[in-house]
Amino acid sequence: MTNTAQRMRLPPAWVLCILTGLNLFNYLDRFVLSAVLTPLQKDLAINDEQAGRLVTAFMIGYFFTSPVFGWLGDRASRKWLIAAGILVWSVGTILSGFAATFAMMIAFRVLVGLGEASYATISPSLISDSYAPAKRNDALTIFYVAIPVGAAFGTIIGGLVAAHWGWRRAFIWAGAPGLFLALVLLPFAELKRGQSEGKTSEAAKIPSIRDIINLVRIPDYVLVVLGYTAYTFALGAFGHWGPTFLHRAHGVAVDRAGEFFGIVLVVAGLVGTLIGGFAATAWHKRNPAGYAWTLGLSVLVAVPLAFGAFLANSTVWSMSFLAGAMFFLFLPTGPVNTLILETAPVNQRASAMAVSIFTIHLFGDMWSPKIVGRLADSFGGNLQKAVLILPAALLVASALWLVLALKSKRGNAWQPKLA
């Protein structure tokens, strides 16, 4: 039995490769909707407000169920939970292609969010248990590179399939691979919690609900998540209103504005995520607060760039500042998730990720696009004034993360005691 388990255990590089590939499909499935929204609205006879509700439906399934999967992820078999999540989001994506009514589409988008919640909360803890602390941030950086790449693939592939075969087939083709990918981890041995740090006995302690609630009593964890919430508040509204801002403030054609943001998303997302992650690892080797410094300083640099983008009279300068801001805002992608895991007890990492996901969406990007819209209405439709709230939110995020960097001491600053 032992020899079989040893033979079937995946090397860390394979764990990372498989989970990153699955994460790419995760975001591909999520962003197909945006690529086919116009023909979908026409066929289902829904207005813009109802189209926006489809995103809300996904978020309800995603972040409201993430605490449940975080709780399960610290107790049950993670490979089976991941397989179930992939299967559910894939079925939800495929069924979206068969939706005959708006109500059906709402239900299927909730299903997609529910499946993705399982994967998003549990997968980072598997990577954490595969890689020792010195290599963990680089591994998580590679894992999260799948976000901009998957989003771009979803937008591009969804649009191409919809143009040739209709929007329904775009959902079906996007979701079908997941029915098989759900099985990929099942033949292999379950990773032991805490094995990368030799803390399997500590990680074996099952956390109680009280232990999870007590995450809010860990100052470093709270600072990471609060900063991440302000950061997500800004990015959520930024992504929603960015192309519209260029159209209204500078007269950029809608299709050109969307194309600009798509290209910048891929380039800045891929390059920024990799550079930020690897640079943070190198900094962390010399200074235990290297991850936090990377977060705080990169966002701090993005603040004046964002202000410049929103205040510039020149279209060229505005677009240049926007591209620069997006690059710096992708630098924290890997390190912020590393800190979420490493500021929590080793037996609560899935729960820590789940609480973070729940918090950043509930208090961040769930409301920020609407708040910017209301501000624009109150300013007589002046979106240029309304979006100035976003770099202000980034300044809050930077301040919280810089406080975290300054309060850290020599040695391992990110290892709280076991709950």
Protein backbone atom coordinates (compact mmCIF):
# COMPACT_ATOMS: atom_id res chain seq x y z
CA MET A 1 0.00 0.00 0.00
CA THR A 2 2.83 2.38 0.90
CA ASN A 3 4.72 1.64 -2.31
CA THR A 4 1.58 2.23 -4.34
CA ALA A 5 0.92 5.56 -2.63
CA GLN A 6 4.56 6.57 -3.17
CA ARG A 7 4.41 5.59 -6.83
CA MET A 8 1.19 7.52 -7.36
CA ARG A 9 2.33 10.70 -5.64
CA LEU A 10 2.64 13.66 -8.00
CA PRO A 11 5.92 15.66 -8.03
CA PRO A 12 5.43 19.34 -7.10
CA ALA A 13 6.09 20.52 -10.66
CA TRP A 14 3.30 18.29 -11.96
CA VAL A 15 0.91 19.49 -9.25
CA LEU A 16 1.63 23.08 -10.27
CA CYS A 17 1.35 22.33 -14.00
CA ILE A 18 -1.99 20.56 -13.63
CA LEU A 19 -3.52 23.13 -11.27
CA THR A 20 -2.35 26.05 -13.42
CA GLY A 21 -3.84 24.43 -16.52
CA LEU A 22 -7.11 23.89 -14.68
CA ASN A 23 -7.04 27.51 -13.47
CA LEU A 24 -6.69 28.65 -17.07
CA PHE A 25 -9.88 26.78 -17.97
CA ASN A 26 -11.47 28.21 -14.84
CA TYR A 27 -11.05 31.77 -16.11
CA LEU A 28 -11.70 30.82 -19.74
CA ASP A 29 -15.14 29.53 -18.75
CA ARG A 30 -15.81 32.61 -16.65
CA PHE A 31 -15.03 35.14 -19.40
CA VAL A 32 -16.89 33.47 -22.27
CA LEU A 33 -19.99 35.33 -21.09
CA SER A 34 -18.52 38.76 -21.79
CA ALA A 35 -17.53 37.67 -25.31
CA VAL A 36 -21.04 36.57 -26.29
CA LEU A 37 -23.11 39.05 -24.33
CA THR A 38 -24.55 40.98 -27.30
CA PRO A 39 -26.04 37.98 -29.20
CA LEU A 40 -27.12 36.43 -25.89
CA GLN A 41 -29.05 39.58 -24.96
CA LYS A 42 -30.72 39.61 -28.35
CA ASP A 43 -31.82 35.95 -28.23
CA LEU A 44 -33.03 36.02 -24.64
CA ALA A 45 -34.50 39.54 -24.98
CA ILE A 46 -32.78 40.94 -21.88
CA ASN A 47 -31.71 44.53 -21.26
CA ASP A 48 -28.39 45.85 -19.95
CA GLU A 49 -29.51 45.81 -16.34
CA GLN A 50 -30.49 42.13 -16.63
CA ALA A 51 -27.19 41.39 -18.36
CA GLY A 52 -25.44 42.90 -15.36
CA ARG A 53 -27.41 40.58 -13.10
CA LEU A 54 -25.74 37.60 -14.77
CA VAL A 55 -22.45 38.76 -13.25
CA THR A 56 -24.15 39.23 -9.88
CA ALA A 57 -25.56 35.69 -10.14
CA PHE A 58 -22.08 34.31 -10.69
CA MET A 59 -20.72 36.28 -7.74
CA ILE A 60 -23.48 34.98 -5.47
CA GLY A 61 -22.56 31.41 -6.32
CA TYR A 62 -18.86 32.22 -6.05
CA PHE A 63 -18.16 34.18 -2.93
CA PHE A 64 -21.18 33.27 -0.80
CA THR A 65 -20.25 29.57 -0.99
CA SER A 66 -16.47 30.05 -0.68
CA PRO A 67 -16.54 29.89 3.17
CA VAL A 68 -18.28 26.51 2.93
CA PHE A 69 -15.60 25.12 0.63
CA GLY A 70 -12.87 26.65 2.77
CA TRP A 71 -14.29 24.84 5.79
CA LEU A 72 -14.48 21.58 3.83
CA GLY A 73 -11.01 22.12 2.36
CA ASP A 74 -9.41 21.95 5.81
CA ARG A 75 -11.26 18.71 6.61
CA ALA A 76 -12.10 16.58 3.57
CA SER A 77 -10.20 15.18 0.57
CA ARG A 78 -9.07 18.19 -1.44
CA LYS A 79 -8.61 16.33 -4.73
CA TRP A 80 -12.23 15.16 -4.60
CA LEU A 81 -13.46 18.65 -3.72
CA ILE A 82 -11.48 20.09 -6.64
CA ALA A 83 -12.85 17.42 -8.98
CA ALA A 84 -16.39 18.18 -7.84
CA GLY A 85 -15.81 21.92 -8.35
CA ILE A 86 -14.49 21.44 -11.90
CA LEU A 87 -17.41 19.15 -12.75
CA VAL A 88 -19.99 21.61 -11.38
CA TRP A 89 -18.57 24.70 -13.13
CA SER A 90 -18.23 22.74 -16.40
CA VAL A 91 -21.82 21.50 -16.24
CA GLY A 92 -22.98 25.04 -15.42
CA THR A 93 -21.06 26.43 -18.42
CA ILE A 94 -22.47 23.80 -20.79
CA LEU A 95 -26.01 24.31 -19.51
CA SER A 96 -25.61 28.06 -20.11
CA GLY A 97 -25.56 27.18 -23.80
CA PHE A 98 -28.99 25.56 -23.48
CA ALA A 99 -30.66 28.32 -21.46
CA ALA A 100 -34.03 29.20 -22.98
CA THR A 101 -34.95 31.96 -20.53
CA PHE A 102 -33.28 34.64 -18.45
CA ALA A 103 -34.18 32.78 -15.24
CA MET A 104 -32.47 29.63 -16.49
CA MET A 105 -29.34 31.58 -17.38
CA ILE A 106 -29.28 33.12 -13.91
CA ALA A 107 -29.47 29.66 -12.33
CA PHE A 108 -26.68 28.28 -14.52
CA ARG A 109 -24.36 31.22 -13.79
CA VAL A 110 -24.88 30.65 -10.05
CA LEU A 111 -23.86 27.03 -10.69
CA VAL A 112 -20.68 28.14 -12.47
CA GLY A 113 -19.80 30.39 -9.53
CA LEU A 114 -20.43 27.61 -7.04
CA GLY A 115 -18.05 25.26 -8.84
CA GLU A 116 -15.35 27.89 -9.18
CA ALA A 117 -15.61 28.68 -5.46
CA SER A 118 -14.51 25.14 -4.63
CA TYR A 119 -11.50 25.31 -6.94
CA ALA A 120 -10.39 28.85 -6.04
CA THR A 121 -10.39 28.25 -2.28
CA ILE A 122 -8.73 24.83 -2.22
CA SER A 123 -6.15 24.78 -5.05
CA PRO A 124 -3.75 27.34 -3.49
CA SER A 125 -3.52 25.22 -0.32
CA LEU A 126 -2.46 22.22 -2.43
CA ILE A 127 0.32 24.28 -3.99
CA SER A 128 1.28 25.50 -0.52
CA ASP A 129 1.69 21.88 0.61
CA SER A 130 3.69 20.98 -2.50
CA TYR A 131 6.31 23.73 -2.24
CA ALA A 132 8.50 24.77 0.67
CA PRO A 133 8.21 28.44 1.76
CA ALA A 134 11.30 29.48 -0.23
CA LYS A 135 9.71 28.36 -3.52
CA ARG A 136 6.03 28.79 -2.69
CA ASN A 137 5.56 32.36 -3.93
CA ASP A 138 7.11 31.58 -7.32
CA ALA A 139 4.77 28.59 -7.66
CA LEU A 140 1.70 30.64 -6.74
CA THR A 141 2.81 33.37 -9.15
CA ILE A 142 2.83 30.86 -12.02
CA PHE A 143 -0.56 29.54 -10.88
CA TYR A 144 -2.11 33.03 -10.97
CA VAL A 145 -0.65 33.89 -14.40
CA ALA A 146 -3.58 31.80 -15.64
CA ILE A 147 -5.95 34.65 -14.69
CA PRO A 148 -5.10 37.14 -17.48
CA VAL A 149 -4.26 34.39 -19.97
CA GLY A 150 -7.47 32.47 -19.27
CA ALA A 151 -9.54 35.66 -19.36
CA ALA A 152 -8.04 36.58 -22.73
CA PHE A 153 -8.57 33.07 -24.15
CA GLY A 154 -12.17 33.08 -22.93
CA THR A 155 -12.85 36.41 -24.61
CA ILE A 156 -11.08 35.51 -27.86
CA ILE A 157 -12.29 31.90 -28.22
CA GLY A 158 -15.80 32.76 -27.09
CA GLY A 159 -16.01 35.52 -29.66
CA LEU A 160 -14.66 33.36 -32.49
CA VAL A 161 -16.96 30.42 -31.77
CA ALA A 162 -19.96 32.71 -31.38
CA ALA A 163 -19.19 34.41 -34.71
CA HIS A 164 -19.06 31.13 -36.61
CA TRP A 165 -21.44 28.79 -34.77
CA GLY A 166 -23.46 30.96 -32.38
CA TRP A 167 -23.16 31.96 -28.72
CA ARG A 168 -24.69 28.73 -27.40
CA ARG A 169 -21.89 26.59 -28.82
CA ALA A 170 -19.32 28.93 -27.29
CA PHE A 171 -20.55 27.89 -23.83
CA ILE A 172 -20.76 24.22 -24.77
CA TRP A 173 -17.26 24.06 -26.24
CA ALA A 174 -15.79 25.99 -23.32
CA GLY A 175 -17.38 23.73 -20.70
CA ALA A 176 -16.94 20.31 -22.34
CA PRO A 177 -13.20 19.80 -21.54
CA GLY A 178 -13.94 20.16 -17.82
CA LEU A 179 -15.99 16.95 -17.83
CA PHE A 180 -12.73 15.09 -18.46
CA LEU A 181 -10.32 17.43 -16.64
CA ALA A 182 -12.27 16.85 -13.41
CA LEU A 183 -10.76 13.35 -13.28
CA VAL A 184 -7.11 14.32 -13.71
CA LEU A 185 -6.12 14.46 -10.00
CA LEU A 186 -8.13 11.47 -8.78
CA PRO A 187 -5.63 8.66 -9.56
CA PHE A 188 -2.91 10.29 -7.47
CA ALA A 189 -2.23 10.18 -3.75
CA GLU A 190 -3.73 12.88 -1.55
CA LEU A 191 -1.22 15.52 -0.48
CA LYS A 192 -0.78 15.77 3.28
CA ARG A 193 -1.50 19.16 4.79
CA GLY A 194 1.67 20.86 6.05
CA GLN A 195 3.98 18.33 4.37
CA SER A 196 6.14 20.97 2.63
CA GLU A 197 7.09 22.41 6.04
CA GLY A 198 7.24 19.16 7.99
CA LYS A 199 4.17 20.16 10.02
CA THR A 200 1.84 17.30 9.13
CA SER A 201 1.05 16.61 12.78
CA GLU A 202 0.07 20.25 13.38
CA ALA A 203 -1.93 20.39 10.18
CA ALA A 204 -3.80 17.23 11.20
CA LYS A 205 -5.63 19.22 13.88
CA ILE A 206 -9.08 19.98 12.48
CA PRO A 207 -9.97 23.66 13.05
CA SER A 208 -13.26 24.54 14.66
CA ILE A 209 -15.62 27.28 13.56
CA ARG A 210 -14.23 29.38 16.41
CA ASP A 211 -10.69 28.88 15.09
CA ILE A 212 -11.76 30.16 11.68
CA ILE A 213 -13.52 33.17 13.21
CA ASN A 214 -10.31 33.86 15.13
CA LEU A 215 -8.50 34.54 11.85
CA VAL A 216 -9.65 38.13 12.37
CA ARG A 217 -7.47 38.21 15.51
CA ILE A 218 -4.29 37.67 13.45
CA PRO A 219 -3.08 41.25 12.72
CA ASP A 220 -0.94 40.36 9.70
CA TYR A 221 -3.76 38.39 8.07
CA VAL A 222 -6.23 41.21 8.69
CA LEU A 223 -3.91 43.81 7.14
CA VAL A 224 -3.37 41.64 4.06
CA VAL A 225 -7.10 41.06 3.53
CA LEU A 226 -8.18 44.66 4.25
CA GLY A 227 -5.59 45.95 1.78
CA TYR A 228 -6.74 43.34 -0.73
CA THR A 229 -10.34 44.50 -0.27
CA ALA A 230 -9.50 48.12 -1.08
CA TYR A 231 -7.38 46.93 -4.02
CA THR A 232 -10.24 44.75 -5.34
CA PHE A 233 -12.71 47.62 -4.88
CA ALA A 234 -10.59 49.72 -7.24
CA LEU A 235 -9.85 46.98 -9.78
CA GLY A 236 -13.46 45.82 -10.00
CA ALA A 237 -14.76 49.25 -10.95
CA PHE A 238 -11.68 49.93 -13.06
CA GLY A 239 -12.31 46.83 -15.17
CA HIS A 240 -16.01 47.61 -15.53
CA TRP A 241 -15.77 51.32 -16.40
CA GLY A 242 -12.34 51.54 -18.04
CA PRO A 243 -13.37 51.17 -21.71
CA THR A 244 -16.44 53.36 -21.13
CA PHE A 245 -14.21 56.04 -19.58
CA LEU A 246 -12.04 56.16 -22.71
CA HIS A 247 -15.14 56.40 -24.87
CA ARG A 248 -16.83 59.19 -22.89
CA ALA A 249 -13.82 61.23 -21.83
CA HIS A 250 -11.71 60.92 -24.98
CA GLY A 251 -14.11 59.85 -27.70
CA VAL A 252 -12.36 56.51 -28.31
CA ALA A 253 -14.57 54.15 -30.30
CA VAL A 254 -16.16 51.44 -28.17
CA ASP A 255 -14.56 48.57 -30.08
CA ARG A 256 -11.13 50.23 -30.02
CA ALA A 257 -11.39 50.91 -26.28
CA GLY A 258 -12.30 47.26 -25.65
CA GLU A 259 -9.45 46.08 -27.86
CA PHE A 260 -6.99 48.34 -26.02
CA PHE A 261 -8.00 46.99 -22.62
CA GLY A 262 -7.89 43.40 -23.87
CA ILE A 263 -4.34 43.76 -25.17
CA VAL A 264 -3.13 45.56 -22.05
CA LEU A 265 -4.81 42.95 -19.85
CA VAL A 266 -2.89 40.12 -21.51
CA VAL A 267 0.49 41.86 -21.72
CA ALA A 268 0.43 43.67 -18.37
CA GLY A 269 -1.23 40.72 -16.65
CA LEU A 270 1.26 38.14 -17.87
CA VAL A 271 4.43 40.22 -17.58
CA GLY A 272 3.40 42.08 -14.42
CA THR A 273 2.33 38.96 -12.55
CA LEU A 274 5.58 37.12 -13.37
CA ILE A 275 7.90 40.06 -12.63
CA GLY A 276 6.09 40.95 -9.41
CA GLY A 277 6.08 37.39 -8.14
CA PHE A 278 9.70 36.56 -8.89
CA ALA A 279 10.95 39.95 -7.66
CA ALA A 280 9.01 39.51 -4.41
CA THR A 281 10.61 36.09 -3.86
CA ALA A 282 14.10 37.56 -4.33
CA TRP A 283 13.28 40.45 -1.98
CA HIS A 284 11.81 38.09 0.61
CA LYS A 285 15.07 36.12 0.73
CA ARG A 286 16.88 39.27 1.87
CA ASN A 287 14.06 40.76 3.95
CA PRO A 288 11.18 38.84 5.61
CA ALA A 289 8.87 41.73 4.70
CA GLY A 290 9.73 41.52 1.00
CA TYR A 291 6.29 40.29 0.00
CA ALA A 292 4.54 43.12 1.85
CA TRP A 293 6.94 45.74 0.49
CA THR A 294 6.21 44.49 -3.04
CA LEU A 295 2.47 44.89 -2.46
CA GLY A 296 2.61 48.33 -0.87
CA LEU A 297 5.14 49.94 -3.18
CA SER A 298 3.77 48.58 -6.47
CA VAL A 299 0.28 49.87 -5.68
CA LEU A 300 1.72 53.17 -4.43
CA VAL A 301 3.40 53.68 -7.82
CA ALA A 302 0.10 52.87 -9.56
CA VAL A 303 -1.75 55.64 -7.66
CA PRO A 304 -0.27 58.68 -9.49
CA LEU A 305 -0.44 56.77 -12.78
CA ALA A 306 -4.17 56.18 -12.24
CA PHE A 307 -4.74 59.83 -11.31
CA GLY A 308 -2.80 60.86 -14.42
CA ALA A 309 -4.88 58.55 -16.61
CA PHE A 310 -8.15 59.99 -15.34
CA LEU A 311 -7.07 63.65 -15.40
CA ALA A 312 -5.02 63.80 -18.62
CA ASN A 313 -6.53 65.79 -21.48
CA SER A 314 -4.52 63.90 -24.08
CA THR A 315 -5.93 60.55 -25.21
CA VAL A 316 -2.44 59.17 -25.83
CA TRP A 317 -1.25 60.14 -22.37
CA SER A 318 -4.41 58.82 -20.74
CA MET A 319 -4.05 55.43 -22.42
CA SER A 320 -0.33 55.33 -21.61
CA PHE A 321 -0.96 56.06 -17.94
CA LEU A 322 -3.72 53.43 -17.86
CA ALA A 323 -1.38 50.80 -19.30
CA GLY A 324 1.31 51.71 -16.77
CA ALA A 325 -1.14 51.58 -13.86
CA MET A 326 -2.43 48.16 -14.94
CA PHE A 327 1.12 46.81 -15.12
CA PHE A 328 1.95 47.90 -11.57
CA LEU A 329 -1.42 46.65 -10.30
CA PHE A 330 -0.62 43.13 -11.51
CA LEU A 331 2.70 42.99 -9.62
CA PRO A 332 1.04 41.99 -6.29
CA THR A 333 -0.94 39.03 -7.74
CA GLY A 334 1.35 36.27 -6.50
CA PRO A 335 2.67 37.77 -3.24
CA VAL A 336 -0.75 38.79 -1.90
CA ASN A 337 -2.02 35.23 -2.17
CA THR A 338 1.18 33.89 -0.65
CA LEU A 339 0.69 36.17 2.35
CA ILE A 340 -2.94 35.11 2.75
CA LEU A 341 -1.75 31.51 3.11
CA GLU A 342 1.35 32.18 5.21
CA THR A 343 -0.22 34.55 7.74
CA ALA A 344 -2.76 31.86 8.66
CA PRO A 345 -2.15 28.71 10.71
CA VAL A 346 -1.07 25.76 8.58
CA ASN A 347 -4.28 23.83 9.33
CA GLN A 348 -6.51 26.72 8.20
CA ARG A 349 -5.11 27.70 4.82
CA ALA A 350 -8.15 26.74 2.77
CA SER A 351 -10.35 28.59 5.25
CA ALA A 352 -8.04 31.63 5.15
CA MET A 353 -8.30 31.73 1.36
CA ALA A 354 -12.08 31.34 1.55
CA VAL A 355 -12.52 34.15 4.09
CA SER A 356 -10.35 36.38 1.91
CA ILE A 357 -12.40 35.63 -1.22
CA PHE A 358 -15.63 36.29 0.65
CA THR A 359 -14.37 39.58 2.11
CA ILE A 360 -12.75 41.11 -0.95
CA HIS A 361 -15.84 40.54 -3.07
CA LEU A 362 -18.52 41.38 -0.51
CA PHE A 363 -16.84 44.66 0.46
CA GLY A 364 -14.89 45.24 -2.76
CA ASP A 365 -15.89 44.70 -6.37
CA MET A 366 -19.49 43.68 -5.68
CA TRP A 367 -20.38 47.33 -5.05
CA SER A 368 -17.63 49.47 -6.57
CA PRO A 369 -18.93 49.55 -10.18
CA LYS A 370 -22.34 50.61 -8.88
CA ILE A 371 -20.84 53.27 -6.60
CA VAL A 372 -18.87 54.78 -9.48
CA GLY A 373 -22.02 54.76 -11.60
CA ARG A 374 -24.01 56.57 -8.93
CA LEU A 375 -21.25 59.13 -8.48
CA ALA A 376 -21.22 59.73 -12.24
CA ASP A 377 -24.99 60.28 -12.16
CA SER A 378 -24.64 62.72 -9.27
CA PHE A 379 -21.99 64.62 -11.25
CA GLY A 380 -24.36 64.98 -14.17
CA GLY A 381 -22.95 62.04 -16.09
CA ASN A 382 -19.31 63.11 -15.60
CA LEU A 383 -17.56 59.73 -15.35
CA GLN A 384 -14.17 61.43 -15.34
CA LYS A 385 -14.84 62.85 -11.86
CA ALA A 386 -16.46 59.68 -10.54
CA VAL A 387 -13.50 57.40 -11.29
CA LEU A 388 -11.18 59.52 -9.14
CA ILE A 389 -12.43 57.49 -6.19
CA LEU A 390 -10.50 54.50 -7.54
CA PRO A 391 -6.90 55.75 -7.10
CA ALA A 392 -8.01 56.95 -3.65
CA ALA A 393 -9.00 53.36 -2.83
CA LEU A 394 -5.64 52.16 -4.15
CA LEU A 395 -3.92 54.62 -1.80
CA VAL A 396 -5.77 52.99 1.12
CA ALA A 397 -4.64 49.55 -0.05
CA SER A 398 -1.04 50.71 -0.35
CA ALA A 399 -1.12 52.28 3.12
CA LEU A 400 -2.41 49.09 4.76
CA TRP A 401 0.21 46.93 3.04
CA LEU A 402 3.02 49.35 3.89
CA VAL A 403 1.94 49.23 7.54
CA LEU A 404 2.23 45.44 7.31
CA ALA A 405 5.74 45.76 5.87
CA LEU A 406 6.85 48.24 8.53
CA LYS A 407 5.52 46.22 11.47
CA SER A 408 7.26 43.00 10.49
CA LYS A 409 10.36 42.00 12.41
CA ARG A 410 13.45 40.02 11.54
CA GLY A 411 12.94 36.31 11.09
CA ASN A 412 9.84 34.59 9.80
CA ALA A 413 7.17 37.23 10.22
CA TRP A 414 4.40 35.23 8.59
CA GLN A 415 4.04 32.16 10.80
CA PRO A 416 1.30 32.50 13.44
CA LYS A 417 0.88 29.90 16.11
CA LEU A 418 -1.35 26.94 15.44
CA ALA A 419 -4.93 27.69 16.34
